[in-house]
Every structure is written in structure tokens, then in C-alpha cells.
């Protein structure tokens, strides 16, 4: 058994309440008393019982993060930021992989783990506004990604359409007039792909360049192999592209491999840009021009919105116990920052 607050209080010669104040970071403790208590805590190697503390607060201290693919570098990097932001609040993060499958996303949405978690951060690929509105689980929820915009719950995302337009405008500014795109999807639920395609088309239209469907082959997934195969198709055209915008960095890395193995120089013969700013792109040869979403900001904002909901639930519970109406707050759409990072795959240093 570890040391208790009572043991620490006896060692320091103070009350249990004073020890509790020090452990919980309350400021109204004199420096001398705080020093005694902290010394006793260290001597007894005191470890707080987080389970008991959370039980008293009506909390588990655990939140869930549900993502489509854990082996996708973007989601892996985002997970780390969420874990760091949650740790600052003393929360543990339970990570779930849905594989983007509709039935698994519905299970997550309907709260199969509602007794285990205090809140959920969820990046869906298939469920829509109707399913979200029909949700019966009351677990606080924050959405990521673009599957559900202007929905009935808090949502954090970047402006994908504007970002895609900016990276396409960058390629146009280099003098390229025949620009391909890898990442378009025919699935009507693929909102991210649709928004990035819309931004690409906006940039072409603004520059007076035609939209050529042959330069935009559709793909079912966003992996390296898909980028490699689609780049091969583009290079087989009678008039191959001078530049290619890939809708994520994995597609771009696969495309880069095909271009280089075909004897092309990047960017001299073919300029190439991606999206997501994963670590691999910073160390590829050449390094990859990309759109860099602020993953840290996305994660911190999602955790903050979840924390605010948990506070609202607690206050609403107190008011309901007193006979008043629970508190309701409007859902917030939060737009996170991003920036275009120009590297060697489009501009030689």
C-alpha cells in the first residue's frame, strides 16, 4: 500500500486538509507549510489515487479518440498531440480505430464505451448529420475532419478548400499550366477529397486554365501505393502533367517514387506537392512541398472544447438537482490554422 494523505500529514505535522490543498495546487498555503508538505510527499513517495479522485468527481479520467487509420502518419501525429493536451488535464486517452467502416463508426457514435469514457474526439468518414442528430448517447463529443460540417456538435477543422487552392496557385505561379491532381474520390461521403478538389478547380479557373478530367484520376484510398499507381497513369498520357498536387503526403510520396524511377527530375521535369506535412516528407529526396495543418492547435482546441462540455455537464447536473433547467450551448465550428510549406519538390534551393 502506498502512503496516504493521512501519512503525509503526520510526517509534515499538518492537517490532512492542508496536504490536500498542496496536492491539488491551491495557492492559499504559506511557503513554509508548502515546503514541509512537499518534503513529506517526496520522502513517502506519495502517489495520488486518481481513480478514487475521479470517482468522487463522477469522472473516469479517460477520453476516447476514434480515428480511421492509426498507421496513417497524419493520424498518428495528431494522436500524439491529443495525448499531450489530455495529459495536461490529467486525462488518459483511449484510442480506437474504425477503419472508416460505417458500422464501426456508428458503434463509436452510439457510445459502446460510455461507461468507460468521459468524452469522445471523433474523426468520422462515413456517418452523416442525420446519424449524428439521432445519437442517443450523451457523452460529450467533438468532431474532427470534414465529414460533418455545420452539425449539431463542436467541430474542429482547417479550410481544406482554401488550402488546396493555395497549393495549386503555388504550382501555377511557377509557370505550370498542365497540373494534375491525385486524390479525387467518387464516394459522395468523401468530403475532404471533394473540398480539396474544389480548391484545385478554383485555382485553375481563376488562372484561366482548363479542367481536364484525364489529369484527375480517382482513387479509392490515400496510401503510397495509390499515389505510385496513379502517377504511372498520368505519365502514360500523351501529354503528361508538368506538376501534380496530391491530396495527402502519402499519395505524394508514392507519386514521387514513380516519377524518380521513371527517370524524371523533381522538380525540374515534374513539380510535386502534397498535403498534411507528415514527418516523412521532410526527409524525402527531394523534400516535399506540402500544406501543413496546425495539428497541435487542432488537438488542443478539441480537448479544450471537450473540457468545456464536461464543465457544462457538471454545472447542468447541479442545476437539475436544484430543480432548474440544464444548460445548453450552441455547437461551435472552429477553424484551425495551416500554412503552405515550400520545399525542394517544387522549387530547387
Protein backbone atom coordinates (compact mmCIF):
# COMPACT_ATOMS: atom_id res chain seq x y z
CA UNK A 1 0.00 0.00 0.00
CA UNK A 2 1.27 3.47 -0.82
CA UNK A 3 1.34 6.41 1.51
CA UNK A 4 -1.98 8.15 2.19
CA UNK A 5 -2.77 11.82 2.76
CA UNK A 6 -3.02 10.99 6.45
CA UNK A 7 0.52 9.54 6.44
CA UNK A 8 1.87 12.66 4.73
CA UNK A 9 0.01 14.93 7.15
CA UNK A 10 1.52 13.09 10.13
CA UNK A 11 5.03 13.31 8.68
CA UNK A 12 4.68 17.05 7.92
CA UNK A 13 2.87 17.89 11.16
CA UNK A 14 -0.12 19.48 9.38
CA UNK A 15 -3.76 18.63 8.75
CA UNK A 16 -4.97 16.28 6.03
CA UNK A 17 -6.82 19.25 4.50
CA UNK A 18 -3.55 21.19 4.19
CA UNK A 19 -1.89 18.25 2.42
CA UNK A 20 -4.88 18.03 0.07
CA UNK A 21 -4.56 21.74 -0.71
CA UNK A 22 -0.89 21.32 -1.63
CA UNK A 23 -1.54 18.21 -3.76
CA UNK A 24 -4.33 19.98 -5.64
CA UNK A 25 -2.27 23.11 -6.26
CA UNK A 26 -4.30 25.55 -4.15
CA UNK A 27 -2.48 28.81 -3.59
CA UNK A 28 -3.60 29.66 -0.07
CA UNK A 29 -0.83 27.71 1.67
CA UNK A 30 2.15 29.52 3.18
CA UNK A 31 5.52 28.85 1.53
CA UNK A 32 6.90 27.35 4.74
CA UNK A 33 3.98 24.94 5.11
CA UNK A 34 4.07 24.04 1.42
CA UNK A 35 7.77 23.23 1.69
CA UNK A 36 7.15 20.89 4.65
CA UNK A 37 4.35 19.11 2.87
CA UNK A 38 6.27 18.74 -0.40
CA UNK A 39 9.24 17.32 1.52
CA UNK A 40 6.97 14.79 3.24
CA UNK A 41 5.38 13.87 -0.09
CA UNK A 42 8.81 13.18 -1.56
CA UNK A 43 10.05 11.23 1.48
CA UNK A 44 6.99 8.98 1.48
CA UNK A 45 6.88 8.73 -2.33
CA UNK A 46 3.21 9.69 -2.29
CA UNK A 47 1.20 8.91 -5.42
CA UNK A 48 -2.34 10.32 -5.71
CA UNK A 49 -5.15 7.83 -6.18
CA UNK A 50 -6.51 9.17 -9.46
CA UNK A 51 -9.21 6.50 -9.69
CA UNK A 52 -10.68 7.48 -6.32
CA UNK A 53 -10.40 11.18 -7.16
CA UNK A 54 -12.19 10.75 -10.46
CA UNK A 55 -14.85 8.58 -8.84
CA UNK A 56 -15.62 11.35 -6.36
CA UNK A 57 -15.93 13.78 -9.26
CA UNK A 58 -18.18 11.44 -11.25
CA UNK A 59 -15.46 11.01 -13.89
CA UNK A 60 -13.30 8.18 -15.21
CA UNK A 61 -10.41 10.44 -16.25
CA UNK A 62 -10.45 8.76 -19.65
CA UNK A 63 -11.43 10.20 -23.03
CA UNK A 64 -11.60 8.37 -26.35
CA UNK A 65 -10.06 9.32 -29.68
CA UNK A 66 -11.65 7.49 -32.63
CA UNK A 67 -9.75 7.66 -35.93
CA UNK A 68 -9.96 5.88 -39.30
CA UNK A 69 -6.37 4.61 -39.53
CA UNK A 70 -3.76 4.55 -36.81
CA UNK A 71 -0.99 3.61 -39.23
CA UNK A 72 -1.59 6.72 -41.34
CA UNK A 73 1.16 9.16 -40.28
CA UNK A 74 -1.19 12.16 -40.13
CA UNK A 75 -3.47 10.45 -37.61
CA UNK A 76 -0.50 9.04 -35.67
CA UNK A 77 0.98 12.53 -35.32
CA UNK A 78 -2.40 14.02 -34.41
CA UNK A 79 -2.88 11.33 -31.75
CA UNK A 80 0.32 12.34 -30.02
CA UNK A 81 -0.84 15.96 -29.81
CA UNK A 82 -4.20 14.89 -28.38
CA UNK A 83 -2.48 12.69 -25.81
CA UNK A 84 -0.21 15.58 -24.77
CA UNK A 85 -3.13 18.01 -24.47
CA UNK A 86 -5.17 15.50 -22.48
CA UNK A 87 -2.25 14.73 -20.16
CA UNK A 88 -2.15 18.40 -19.13
CA UNK A 89 -5.60 17.82 -17.64
CA UNK A 90 -4.67 14.50 -16.08
CA UNK A 91 -6.67 12.53 -18.65
CA UNK A 92 -5.80 9.22 -20.26
CA UNK A 93 -6.66 8.73 -23.94
CA UNK A 94 -8.26 5.52 -25.22
CA UNK A 95 -7.60 5.25 -28.96
CA UNK A 96 -9.98 3.38 -31.25
CA UNK A 97 -9.54 2.57 -34.95
CA UNK A 98 -12.70 2.47 -37.07
CA UNK A 99 -11.09 1.68 -40.45
CA UNK A 100 -13.61 4.16 -41.82
CA UNK A 101 -16.29 1.43 -41.72
CA UNK A 102 -19.86 2.62 -41.30
CA UNK A 103 -20.92 0.05 -38.71
CA UNK A 104 -17.86 0.68 -36.55
CA UNK A 105 -18.33 4.43 -36.72
CA UNK A 106 -21.98 4.01 -35.70
CA UNK A 107 -20.89 1.91 -32.73
CA UNK A 108 -18.49 4.63 -31.65
CA UNK A 109 -21.16 7.29 -32.08
CA UNK A 110 -23.74 5.37 -30.07
CA UNK A 111 -21.43 5.02 -27.09
CA UNK A 112 -20.40 1.40 -26.81
CA UNK A 113 -17.86 2.59 -24.22
CA UNK A 114 -19.98 5.20 -22.47
CA UNK A 115 -19.25 3.66 -19.05
CA UNK A 116 -15.51 3.90 -19.67
CA UNK A 117 -15.02 7.41 -21.03
CA UNK A 118 -15.87 10.99 -20.10
CA UNK A 119 -15.76 12.35 -23.66
CA UNK A 120 -15.07 11.50 -27.28
CA UNK A 121 -12.98 13.12 -30.04
CA UNK A 122 -14.06 11.56 -33.31
CA UNK A 123 -12.89 11.80 -36.93
CA UNK A 124 -15.58 10.02 -39.00
CA UNK A 125 -15.53 9.12 -42.68
CA UNK A 126 -19.00 7.68 -43.29
CA UNK A 127 -21.64 8.87 -40.84
CA UNK A 128 -23.63 12.00 -41.64
CA UNK A 129 -25.62 14.76 -39.99
CA UNK A 130 -28.75 12.59 -39.73
CA UNK A 131 -26.97 9.87 -37.77
CA UNK A 132 -25.40 12.48 -35.53
CA UNK A 133 -28.79 14.09 -34.86
CA UNK A 134 -30.24 10.67 -33.98
CA UNK A 135 -27.49 9.99 -31.45
CA UNK A 136 -28.84 8.92 -28.06
CA UNK A 137 -25.54 8.73 -26.18
CA UNK A 138 -24.92 11.82 -24.04
CA UNK A 139 -21.15 11.52 -23.86
CA UNK A 140 -19.58 14.92 -24.73
CA UNK A 141 -18.36 14.88 -28.33
CA UNK A 142 -16.01 16.89 -30.57
CA UNK A 143 -15.70 16.11 -34.28
CA UNK A 144 -12.58 16.42 -36.43
CA UNK A 145 -12.28 16.41 -40.22
CA UNK A 146 -14.79 17.45 -42.85
CA UNK A 147 -17.36 14.67 -42.89
CA UNK A 148 -19.95 16.70 -40.95
CA UNK A 149 -19.85 20.47 -41.37
CA UNK A 150 -22.23 22.80 -39.50
CA UNK A 151 -23.54 19.86 -37.49
CA UNK A 152 -25.14 19.73 -34.03
CA UNK A 153 -21.87 19.34 -32.13
CA UNK A 154 -18.49 21.04 -31.77
CA UNK A 155 -16.22 20.64 -34.79
CA UNK A 156 -12.55 21.48 -35.47
CA UNK A 157 -11.02 21.53 -38.97
CA UNK A 158 -8.92 23.58 -41.36
CA UNK A 159 -10.30 25.24 -44.51
CA UNK A 160 -9.37 22.43 -46.91
CA UNK A 161 -10.78 24.14 -49.96
CA UNK A 162 -8.79 27.32 -49.44
CA UNK A 163 -5.62 25.37 -48.60
CA UNK A 164 -5.95 23.27 -51.77
CA UNK A 165 -6.44 26.42 -53.81
CA UNK A 166 -3.28 27.94 -52.32
CA UNK A 167 -1.06 24.97 -53.12
CA UNK A 168 -2.45 24.83 -56.68
CA UNK A 169 -1.85 28.58 -57.07
CA UNK A 170 1.74 27.96 -55.97
CA UNK A 171 2.21 25.45 -58.81
CA UNK A 172 0.62 27.87 -61.28
CA UNK A 173 2.92 30.67 -60.09
CA UNK A 174 5.89 28.54 -61.13
CA UNK A 175 4.67 28.66 -64.73
CA UNK A 176 2.97 25.26 -64.86
CA UNK A 177 -0.18 25.16 -66.97
CA UNK A 178 -0.87 21.41 -67.08
CA UNK A 179 -1.39 20.41 -63.46
CA UNK A 180 -2.62 17.00 -62.38
CA UNK A 181 -4.33 16.07 -59.14
CA UNK A 182 -4.15 12.75 -57.28
CA UNK A 183 -6.74 12.10 -54.58
CA UNK A 184 -10.16 12.75 -56.11
CA UNK A 185 -12.78 10.29 -54.87
CA UNK A 186 -16.15 9.34 -56.36
CA UNK A 187 -17.61 8.36 -52.98
CA UNK A 188 -20.16 11.08 -52.08
CA UNK A 189 -19.17 10.87 -48.40
CA UNK A 190 -15.51 11.72 -49.12
CA UNK A 191 -15.85 15.35 -48.05
CA UNK A 192 -12.13 16.01 -47.62
CA UNK A 193 -11.43 14.86 -51.18
CA UNK A 194 -14.31 16.92 -52.55
CA UNK A 195 -13.17 20.07 -50.78
CA UNK A 196 -9.57 19.70 -51.95
CA UNK A 197 -10.73 19.02 -55.49
CA UNK A 198 -12.92 22.14 -55.34
CA UNK A 199 -9.95 24.24 -54.26
CA UNK A 200 -7.83 22.81 -57.07
CA UNK A 201 -10.52 23.64 -59.62
CA UNK A 202 -10.99 27.15 -58.22
CA UNK A 203 -7.30 27.90 -58.73
CA UNK A 204 -7.37 26.62 -62.32
CA UNK A 205 -10.48 28.62 -63.11
CA UNK A 206 -9.05 31.82 -61.58
CA UNK A 207 -5.91 31.40 -63.72
CA UNK A 208 -7.91 30.76 -66.89
CA UNK A 209 -6.69 27.17 -67.13
CA UNK A 210 -8.99 24.36 -68.29
CA UNK A 211 -10.05 21.47 -66.05
CA UNK A 212 -9.00 18.20 -67.69
CA UNK A 213 -10.55 15.07 -66.17
CA UNK A 214 -7.73 12.95 -67.60
CA UNK A 215 -5.37 14.74 -65.20
CA UNK A 216 -7.54 13.87 -62.18
CA UNK A 217 -7.78 10.06 -61.93
CA UNK A 218 -9.94 8.93 -58.98
CA UNK A 219 -8.64 6.78 -56.14
CA UNK A 220 -10.29 4.63 -53.51
CA UNK A 221 -7.71 5.21 -50.77
CA UNK A 222 -4.86 7.53 -49.81
CA UNK A 223 -1.83 5.26 -49.47
CA UNK A 224 1.63 5.32 -51.07
CA UNK A 225 0.74 2.53 -53.48
CA UNK A 226 -2.24 4.52 -54.77
CA UNK A 227 -0.06 7.55 -55.42
CA UNK A 228 2.53 5.44 -57.23
CA UNK A 229 -0.06 3.73 -59.45
CA UNK A 230 -1.91 6.94 -60.34
CA UNK A 231 1.30 8.79 -61.15
CA UNK A 232 2.14 5.96 -63.55
CA UNK A 233 -1.20 6.51 -65.29
CA UNK A 234 -0.57 10.24 -65.56
CA UNK A 235 2.87 9.72 -67.05
CA UNK A 236 1.38 7.41 -69.70
CA UNK A 237 -0.80 10.22 -71.09
CA UNK A 238 0.07 11.68 -74.48
CA UNK A 239 0.50 14.99 -72.66
CA UNK A 240 1.61 14.20 -69.10
CA UNK A 241 1.34 16.88 -66.41
CA UNK A 242 4.07 19.40 -65.63
CA UNK A 243 3.07 19.42 -61.96
CA UNK A 244 0.90 17.29 -59.67
CA UNK A 245 -0.98 18.19 -56.49
CA UNK A 246 -1.53 15.15 -54.27
CA UNK A 247 -4.32 15.34 -51.69
CA UNK A 248 -2.12 13.91 -48.95
CA UNK A 249 1.58 13.32 -48.40
CA UNK A 250 1.38 9.52 -48.65
CA UNK A 251 -0.01 9.84 -52.17
CA UNK A 252 2.74 12.35 -52.94
CA UNK A 253 5.50 10.06 -51.66
CA UNK A 254 4.20 7.20 -53.80
CA UNK A 255 3.95 9.54 -56.79
CA UNK A 256 7.47 10.78 -56.15
CA UNK A 257 8.82 7.23 -56.22
CA UNK A 258 7.20 6.56 -59.60
CA UNK A 259 8.41 9.86 -61.06
CA UNK A 260 12.02 9.28 -60.00
CA UNK A 261 12.07 5.64 -61.10
CA UNK A 262 10.76 6.80 -64.50
CA UNK A 263 13.85 8.94 -64.92
CA UNK A 264 12.19 12.29 -64.22
CA UNK A 265 13.89 15.02 -62.22
CA UNK A 266 11.79 16.59 -59.48
CA UNK A 267 11.11 19.50 -59.68
CA UNK A 268 12.92 20.23 -62.97
CA UNK A 269 10.80 17.84 -65.07
CA UNK A 270 7.84 17.49 -62.71
CA UNK A 271 6.82 19.59 -59.70
CA UNK A 272 5.06 17.73 -56.90
CA UNK A 273 3.14 18.90 -53.82
CA UNK A 274 1.30 17.10 -51.03
CA UNK A 275 -0.90 17.82 -48.04
CA UNK A 276 -0.59 17.12 -44.27
CA UNK A 277 3.13 17.80 -43.59
CA UNK A 278 3.95 14.37 -42.19
CA UNK A 279 7.49 13.78 -40.98
CA UNK A 280 8.40 11.51 -43.91
CA UNK A 281 8.00 14.40 -46.35
CA UNK A 282 10.58 16.47 -44.50
CA UNK A 283 13.21 13.78 -45.09
CA UNK A 284 12.34 12.53 -48.58
CA UNK A 285 14.62 13.25 -51.53
CA UNK A 286 13.67 15.82 -52.61
CA UNK A 287 11.85 17.16 -49.58
CA UNK A 288 8.14 17.58 -50.11
CA UNK A 289 6.23 20.83 -50.59
CA UNK A 290 3.03 20.47 -48.58
CA UNK A 291 0.15 22.09 -46.73
CA UNK A 292 0.83 21.92 -43.00
CA UNK A 293 -2.29 21.85 -40.80
CA UNK A 294 -1.56 23.01 -37.26
CA UNK A 295 -2.06 19.58 -35.67
CA UNK A 296 -1.13 20.88 -32.23
CA UNK A 297 -3.80 23.57 -32.43
CA UNK A 298 -6.39 21.07 -33.70
CA UNK A 299 -5.66 18.73 -30.79
CA UNK A 300 -5.59 21.43 -28.11
CA UNK A 301 -8.79 23.00 -29.38
CA UNK A 302 -10.60 19.65 -29.45
CA UNK A 303 -9.52 18.87 -25.89
CA UNK A 304 -10.49 22.37 -24.72
CA UNK A 305 -13.95 22.03 -26.28
CA UNK A 306 -14.36 18.64 -24.64
CA UNK A 307 -13.27 20.04 -21.29
CA UNK A 308 -15.76 22.89 -21.58
CA UNK A 309 -18.55 20.40 -22.26
CA UNK A 310 -17.59 18.34 -19.22
CA UNK A 311 -17.77 21.50 -17.11
CA UNK A 312 -21.19 22.31 -18.57
CA UNK A 313 -22.44 18.80 -17.81
CA UNK A 314 -21.32 19.15 -14.22
CA UNK A 315 -22.98 22.56 -13.79
CA UNK A 316 -26.13 21.35 -15.51
CA UNK A 317 -26.29 18.40 -13.14
CA UNK A 318 -26.12 20.72 -10.15
CA UNK A 319 -28.88 22.95 -11.53
CA UNK A 320 -31.05 19.95 -12.40
CA UNK A 321 -30.67 18.72 -8.83
CA UNK A 322 -31.96 22.11 -7.68
CA UNK A 323 -34.97 21.95 -9.98
CA UNK A 324 -33.79 24.28 -12.76
CA UNK A 325 -33.30 23.60 -16.47
CA UNK A 326 -29.99 22.07 -17.68
CA UNK A 327 -27.58 24.29 -19.59
CA UNK A 328 -27.49 24.13 -23.40
CA UNK A 329 -24.71 25.56 -25.56
CA UNK A 330 -24.61 26.02 -29.29
CA UNK A 331 -22.20 23.89 -31.28
CA UNK A 332 -19.05 25.68 -32.37
CA UNK A 333 -17.26 25.45 -35.72
CA UNK A 334 -13.58 26.17 -35.05
CA UNK A 335 -11.24 26.73 -37.98
CA UNK A 336 -7.65 25.75 -37.23
CA UNK A 337 -4.61 27.32 -38.89
CA UNK A 338 -2.50 25.91 -41.69
CA UNK A 339 0.40 27.09 -43.84
CA UNK A 340 1.92 26.22 -47.19
CA UNK A 341 5.49 24.95 -46.78
CA UNK A 342 7.52 25.21 -49.99
CA UNK A 343 10.32 22.65 -50.26
CA UNK A 344 12.52 21.04 -52.91
CA UNK A 345 9.82 19.08 -54.74
CA UNK A 346 8.52 22.30 -56.33
CA UNK A 347 11.38 24.81 -56.00
CA UNK A 348 15.05 23.94 -56.01
CA UNK A 349 17.01 25.92 -53.40
